[in-house]
């Protein structure tokens, strides 16, 4: 009997949390930073995104920080000891990060803007052991298809653990 009451409570809690999350999702606007529309791949080949020479170092650093932070670009290759760390210049590091972001986001013109500090090129910027990503070589940075929020999963986990504890 006690087990049935606990199961019913957990089911009600799950239903309540699911309904409140759906309502919250509908009411909260979603900001999209870089939509992957406007494919700029040239008809005769592959494109890459690189940093522009001569732009403000502050703007370039801010764009690099965004790409490796909120932009969720994998920047391990441009960290010390990485295959693209040398030359240790801001333009070189920014070019690698910008291109990685650009490739992950479908080669769209907006994904190669970075506040006006980047441009699209048909010239492969790879050198020595530093290989720049090309279309199709990186996974998508699109959000997961999982609709459940981490807090919802946490509550389900707590409920299951509580159930296991009370039935033992």
C-alpha atoms as a PDB file:
ATOM      1  CA  UNK A   1       0.000   0.000   0.000  1.00  0.00           C
ATOM      2  CA  UNK A   2       2.759   2.411   0.979  1.00  0.00           C
ATOM      3  CA  UNK A   3       4.598   1.607  -2.254  1.00  0.00           C
ATOM      4  CA  UNK A   4       1.481   2.398  -4.345  1.00  0.00           C
ATOM      5  CA  UNK A   5       1.025   5.766  -2.634  1.00  0.00           C
ATOM      6  CA  UNK A   6       4.671   6.650  -3.292  1.00  0.00           C
ATOM      7  CA  UNK A   7       4.366   5.619  -6.945  1.00  0.00           C
ATOM      8  CA  UNK A   8       1.225   7.717  -7.357  1.00  0.00           C
ATOM      9  CA  UNK A   9       2.926  10.717  -5.760  1.00  0.00           C
ATOM     10  CA  UNK A  10       5.919  10.355  -8.066  1.00  0.00           C
ATOM     11  CA  UNK A  11       3.646  10.078 -11.098  1.00  0.00           C
ATOM     12  CA  UNK A  12       1.753  13.212 -10.062  1.00  0.00           C
ATOM     13  CA  UNK A  13       5.026  15.061  -9.434  1.00  0.00           C
ATOM     14  CA  UNK A  14       6.320  14.034 -12.856  1.00  0.00           C
ATOM     15  CA  UNK A  15       3.092  15.161 -14.566  1.00  0.00           C
ATOM     16  CA  UNK A  16       3.138  18.468 -12.715  1.00  0.00           C
ATOM     17  CA  UNK A  17       6.780  19.172 -13.566  1.00  0.00           C
ATOM     18  CA  UNK A  18       6.263  18.237 -17.228  1.00  0.00           C
ATOM     19  CA  UNK A  19       3.245  20.532 -17.573  1.00  0.00           C
ATOM     20  CA  UNK A  20       4.939  23.484 -15.873  1.00  0.00           C
ATOM     21  CA  UNK A  21       8.031  23.106 -18.047  1.00  0.00           C
ATOM     22  CA  UNK A  22       5.983  23.039 -21.236  1.00  0.00           C
ATOM     23  CA  UNK A  23       4.212  26.217 -20.154  1.00  0.00           C
ATOM     24  CA  UNK A  24       7.510  27.846 -19.201  1.00  0.00           C
ATOM     25  CA  UNK A  25       9.046  26.911 -22.566  1.00  0.00           C
ATOM     26  CA  UNK A  26       6.147  28.558 -24.407  1.00  0.00           C
ATOM     27  CA  UNK A  27       6.414  31.780 -22.383  1.00  0.00           C
ATOM     28  CA  UNK A  28      10.186  32.277 -22.510  1.00  0.00           C
ATOM     29  CA  UNK A  29      11.575  33.784 -25.727  1.00  0.00           C
ATOM     30  CA  UNK A  30      14.688  32.084 -27.077  1.00  0.00           C
ATOM     31  CA  UNK A  31      17.590  34.214 -28.283  1.00  0.00           C
ATOM     32  CA  UNK A  32      19.431  32.797 -31.260  1.00  0.00           C
ATOM     33  CA  UNK A  33      22.964  34.145 -31.526  1.00  0.00           C
ATOM     34  CA  UNK A  34      24.019  32.819 -34.909  1.00  0.00           C
ATOM     35  CA  UNK A  35      21.402  31.121 -37.072  1.00  0.00           C
ATOM     36  CA  UNK A  36      22.887  28.886 -39.768  1.00  0.00           C
ATOM     37  CA  UNK A  37      21.023  30.437 -42.689  1.00  0.00           C
ATOM     38  CA  UNK A  38      22.626  31.875 -45.815  1.00  0.00           C
ATOM     39  CA  UNK A  39      25.090  29.241 -46.958  1.00  0.00           C
ATOM     40  CA  UNK A  40      28.080  30.989 -48.542  1.00  0.00           C
ATOM     41  CA  UNK A  41      29.906  27.934 -49.872  1.00  0.00           C
ATOM     42  CA  UNK A  42      31.213  28.828 -53.310  1.00  0.00           C
ATOM     43  CA  UNK A  43      30.038  26.709 -56.224  1.00  0.00           C
ATOM     44  CA  UNK A  44      33.574  25.684 -57.108  1.00  0.00           C
ATOM     45  CA  UNK A  45      34.763  24.544 -53.683  1.00  0.00           C
ATOM     46  CA  UNK A  46      35.089  24.661 -49.952  1.00  0.00           C
ATOM     47  CA  UNK A  47      35.226  27.782 -47.803  1.00  0.00           C
ATOM     48  CA  UNK A  48      36.865  28.609 -44.495  1.00  0.00           C
ATOM     49  CA  UNK A  49      36.423  31.481 -42.072  1.00  0.00           C
ATOM     50  CA  UNK A  50      39.514  33.417 -40.973  1.00  0.00           C
ATOM     51  CA  UNK A  51      40.293  36.510 -38.934  1.00  0.00           C
ATOM     52  CA  UNK A  52      40.892  39.742 -40.799  1.00  0.00           C
ATOM     53  CA  UNK A  53      44.299  41.360 -40.543  1.00  0.00           C
ATOM     54  CA  UNK A  54      44.322  44.960 -39.367  1.00  0.00           C
ATOM     55  CA  UNK A  55      41.212  44.856 -37.173  1.00  0.00           C
ATOM     56  CA  UNK A  56      41.217  46.065 -33.582  1.00  0.00           C
ATOM     57  CA  UNK A  57      43.103  43.671 -31.297  1.00  0.00           C
ATOM     58  CA  UNK A  58      40.493  44.234 -28.602  1.00  0.00           C
ATOM     59  CA  UNK A  59      37.632  43.341 -30.964  1.00  0.00           C
ATOM     60  CA  UNK A  60      39.545  40.297 -32.197  1.00  0.00           C
ATOM     61  CA  UNK A  61      40.238  39.125 -28.627  1.00  0.00           C
ATOM     62  CA  UNK A  62      36.588  39.616 -27.655  1.00  0.00           C
ATOM     63  CA  UNK A  63      35.459  37.616 -30.684  1.00  0.00           C
ATOM     64  CA  UNK A  64      37.964  34.839 -29.898  1.00  0.00           C
ATOM     65  CA  UNK A  65      36.796  34.749 -26.278  1.00  0.00           C
ATOM     66  CA  UNK A  66      33.186  34.451 -27.439  1.00  0.00           C
ATOM     67  CA  UNK A  67      33.966  31.689 -29.959  1.00  0.00           C
ATOM     68  CA  UNK A  68      35.822  29.604 -27.351  1.00  0.00           C
ATOM     69  CA  UNK A  69      33.275  30.404 -24.619  1.00  0.00           C
ATOM     70  CA  UNK A  70      29.618  30.993 -25.419  1.00  0.00           C
ATOM     71  CA  UNK A  71      30.164  29.889 -29.027  1.00  0.00           C
ATOM     72  CA  UNK A  72      31.149  26.461 -27.671  1.00  0.00           C
ATOM     73  CA  UNK A  73      34.008  25.996 -30.125  1.00  0.00           C
ATOM     74  CA  UNK A  74      36.624  23.394 -29.226  1.00  0.00           C
ATOM     75  CA  UNK A  75      39.758  25.527 -28.815  1.00  0.00           C
ATOM     76  CA  UNK A  76      42.151  22.853 -27.485  1.00  0.00           C
ATOM     77  CA  UNK A  77      44.235  22.959 -30.670  1.00  0.00           C
ATOM     78  CA  UNK A  78      45.156  26.627 -30.086  1.00  0.00           C
ATOM     79  CA  UNK A  79      46.094  26.165 -26.449  1.00  0.00           C
ATOM     80  CA  UNK A  80      49.736  25.730 -25.486  1.00  0.00           C
ATOM     81  CA  UNK A  81      50.936  22.329 -26.713  1.00  0.00           C
ATOM     82  CA  UNK A  82      48.103  22.081 -29.251  1.00  0.00           C
ATOM     83  CA  UNK A  83      48.686  21.395 -32.941  1.00  0.00           C
ATOM     84  CA  UNK A  84      47.714  24.981 -33.885  1.00  0.00           C
ATOM     85  CA  UNK A  85      49.271  26.908 -30.994  1.00  0.00           C
ATOM     86  CA  UNK A  86      52.174  28.087 -33.195  1.00  0.00           C
ATOM     87  CA  UNK A  87      52.356  30.730 -34.422  1.00  0.00           C
ATOM     88  CA  UNK A  88      51.272  32.145 -31.086  1.00  0.00           C
ATOM     89  CA  UNK A  89      49.447  35.161 -32.524  1.00  0.00           C
ATOM     90  CA  UNK A  90      45.968  36.490 -31.922  1.00  0.00           C
ATOM     91  CA  UNK A  91      45.110  36.430 -35.647  1.00  0.00           C
ATOM     92  CA  UNK A  92      46.220  32.805 -35.994  1.00  0.00           C
ATOM     93  CA  UNK A  93      44.341  31.607 -32.911  1.00  0.00           C
ATOM     94  CA  UNK A  94      41.220  33.599 -33.813  1.00  0.00           C
ATOM     95  CA  UNK A  95      41.269  32.205 -37.362  1.00  0.00           C
ATOM     96  CA  UNK A  96      41.297  28.628 -36.086  1.00  0.00           C
ATOM     97  CA  UNK A  97      38.467  29.250 -33.597  1.00  0.00           C
ATOM     98  CA  UNK A  98      36.387  31.263 -36.079  1.00  0.00           C
ATOM     99  CA  UNK A  99      36.675  28.551 -38.710  1.00  0.00           C
ATOM    100  CA  UNK A 100      35.719  25.807 -36.257  1.00  0.00           C
ATOM    101  CA  UNK A 101      32.606  27.756 -35.279  1.00  0.00           C
ATOM    102  CA  UNK A 102      31.828  28.507 -38.934  1.00  0.00           C
ATOM    103  CA  UNK A 103      32.062  24.848 -39.934  1.00  0.00           C
ATOM    104  CA  UNK A 104      29.953  23.705 -36.963  1.00  0.00           C
ATOM    105  CA  UNK A 105      27.229  26.144 -37.931  1.00  0.00           C
ATOM    106  CA  UNK A 106      26.757  25.192 -41.563  1.00  0.00           C
ATOM    107  CA  UNK A 107      29.099  27.617 -43.331  1.00  0.00           C
ATOM    108  CA  UNK A 108      26.627  30.473 -43.019  1.00  0.00           C
ATOM    109  CA  UNK A 109      27.713  34.014 -43.678  1.00  0.00           C
ATOM    110  CA  UNK A 110      26.461  35.111 -40.253  1.00  0.00           C
ATOM    111  CA  UNK A 111      28.588  32.365 -38.625  1.00  0.00           C
ATOM    112  CA  UNK A 112      31.680  34.080 -40.073  1.00  0.00           C
ATOM    113  CA  UNK A 113      31.088  37.622 -38.930  1.00  0.00           C
ATOM    114  CA  UNK A 114      32.369  37.895 -35.354  1.00  0.00           C
ATOM    115  CA  UNK A 115      31.581  41.587 -35.184  1.00  0.00           C
ATOM    116  CA  UNK A 116      33.275  42.308 -38.487  1.00  0.00           C
ATOM    117  CA  UNK A 117      36.581  40.695 -37.486  1.00  0.00           C
ATOM    118  CA  UNK A 118      36.352  37.690 -39.844  1.00  0.00           C
ATOM    119  CA  UNK A 119      35.902  36.870 -43.511  1.00  0.00           C
ATOM    120  CA  UNK A 120      35.211  33.856 -45.714  1.00  0.00           C
ATOM    121  CA  UNK A 121      38.026  32.559 -47.906  1.00  0.00           C
ATOM    122  CA  UNK A 122      38.456  29.835 -50.529  1.00  0.00           C
ATOM    123  CA  UNK A 123      42.116  29.410 -49.492  1.00  0.00           C
ATOM    124  CA  UNK A 124      42.683  26.508 -47.083  1.00  0.00           C
ATOM    125  CA  UNK A 125      44.454  28.061 -44.060  1.00  0.00           C
ATOM    126  CA  UNK A 126      45.795  24.692 -42.801  1.00  0.00           C
ATOM    127  CA  UNK A 127      49.549  24.445 -42.252  1.00  0.00           C
ATOM    128  CA  UNK A 128      51.967  21.791 -40.997  1.00  0.00           C
ATOM    129  CA  UNK A 129      50.098  19.718 -38.366  1.00  0.00           C
ATOM    130  CA  UNK A 130      47.394  22.362 -37.960  1.00  0.00           C
ATOM    131  CA  UNK A 131      44.438  21.172 -40.013  1.00  0.00           C
ATOM    132  CA  UNK A 132      41.498  23.544 -40.256  1.00  0.00           C
ATOM    133  CA  UNK A 133      38.073  21.930 -40.341  1.00  0.00           C
ATOM    134  CA  UNK A 134      36.237  21.769 -43.639  1.00  0.00           C
ATOM    135  CA  UNK A 135      32.499  21.246 -44.292  1.00  0.00           C
ATOM    136  CA  UNK A 136      31.338  17.918 -42.937  1.00  0.00           C
ATOM    137  CA  UNK A 137      34.433  17.346 -40.796  1.00  0.00           C
ATOM    138  CA  UNK A 138      32.830  18.578 -37.559  1.00  0.00           C
ATOM    139  CA  UNK A 139      29.676  17.594 -35.715  1.00  0.00           C
ATOM    140  CA  UNK A 140      26.854  20.041 -35.409  1.00  0.00           C
ATOM    141  CA  UNK A 141      26.695  22.383 -32.445  1.00  0.00           C
ATOM    142  CA  UNK A 142      22.911  22.261 -32.592  1.00  0.00           C
ATOM    143  CA  UNK A 143      21.156  21.639 -29.301  1.00  0.00           C
ATOM    144  CA  UNK A 144      20.389  18.106 -28.224  1.00  0.00           C
ATOM    145  CA  UNK A 145      17.064  16.610 -29.255  1.00  0.00           C
ATOM    146  CA  UNK A 146      16.386  15.781 -25.609  1.00  0.00           C
ATOM    147  CA  UNK A 147      13.428  17.920 -24.510  1.00  0.00           C
ATOM    148  CA  UNK A 148      13.808  17.305 -20.782  1.00  0.00           C
ATOM    149  CA  UNK A 149      15.526  19.991 -18.766  1.00  0.00           C
ATOM    150  CA  UNK A 150      18.348  19.005 -16.373  1.00  0.00           C
ATOM    151  CA  UNK A 151      16.228  20.053 -13.381  1.00  0.00           C
ATOM    152  CA  UNK A 152      13.428  17.724 -14.519  1.00  0.00           C
ATOM    153  CA  UNK A 153      15.847  14.817 -14.848  1.00  0.00           C
ATOM    154  CA  UNK A 154      17.225  15.677 -11.413  1.00  0.00           C
ATOM    155  CA  UNK A 155      13.742  15.491  -9.872  1.00  0.00           C
ATOM    156  CA  UNK A 156      13.087  12.146 -11.527  1.00  0.00           C
ATOM    157  CA  UNK A 157      16.381  10.822 -10.180  1.00  0.00           C
ATOM    158  CA  UNK A 158      15.549  12.038  -6.674  1.00  0.00           C
ATOM    159  CA  UNK A 159      12.127  10.385  -6.903  1.00  0.00           C
ATOM    160  CA  UNK A 160      13.571   7.045  -7.997  1.00  0.00           C
ATOM    161  CA  UNK A 161      16.207   7.150  -5.263  1.00  0.00           C
ATOM    162  CA  UNK A 162      13.538   8.030  -2.686  1.00  0.00           C
ATOM    163  CA  UNK A 163      11.410   5.133  -3.895  1.00  0.00           C
ATOM    164  CA  UNK A 164      14.328   2.736  -3.673  1.00  0.00           C
ATOM    165  CA  UNK A 165      15.182   3.968  -0.187  1.00  0.00           C
ATOM    166  CA  UNK A 166      11.629   3.645   1.123  1.00  0.00           C
ATOM    167  CA  UNK A 167      11.088   0.169  -0.325  1.00  0.00           C
ATOM    168  CA  UNK A 168      14.313  -1.291   1.045  1.00  0.00           C
END
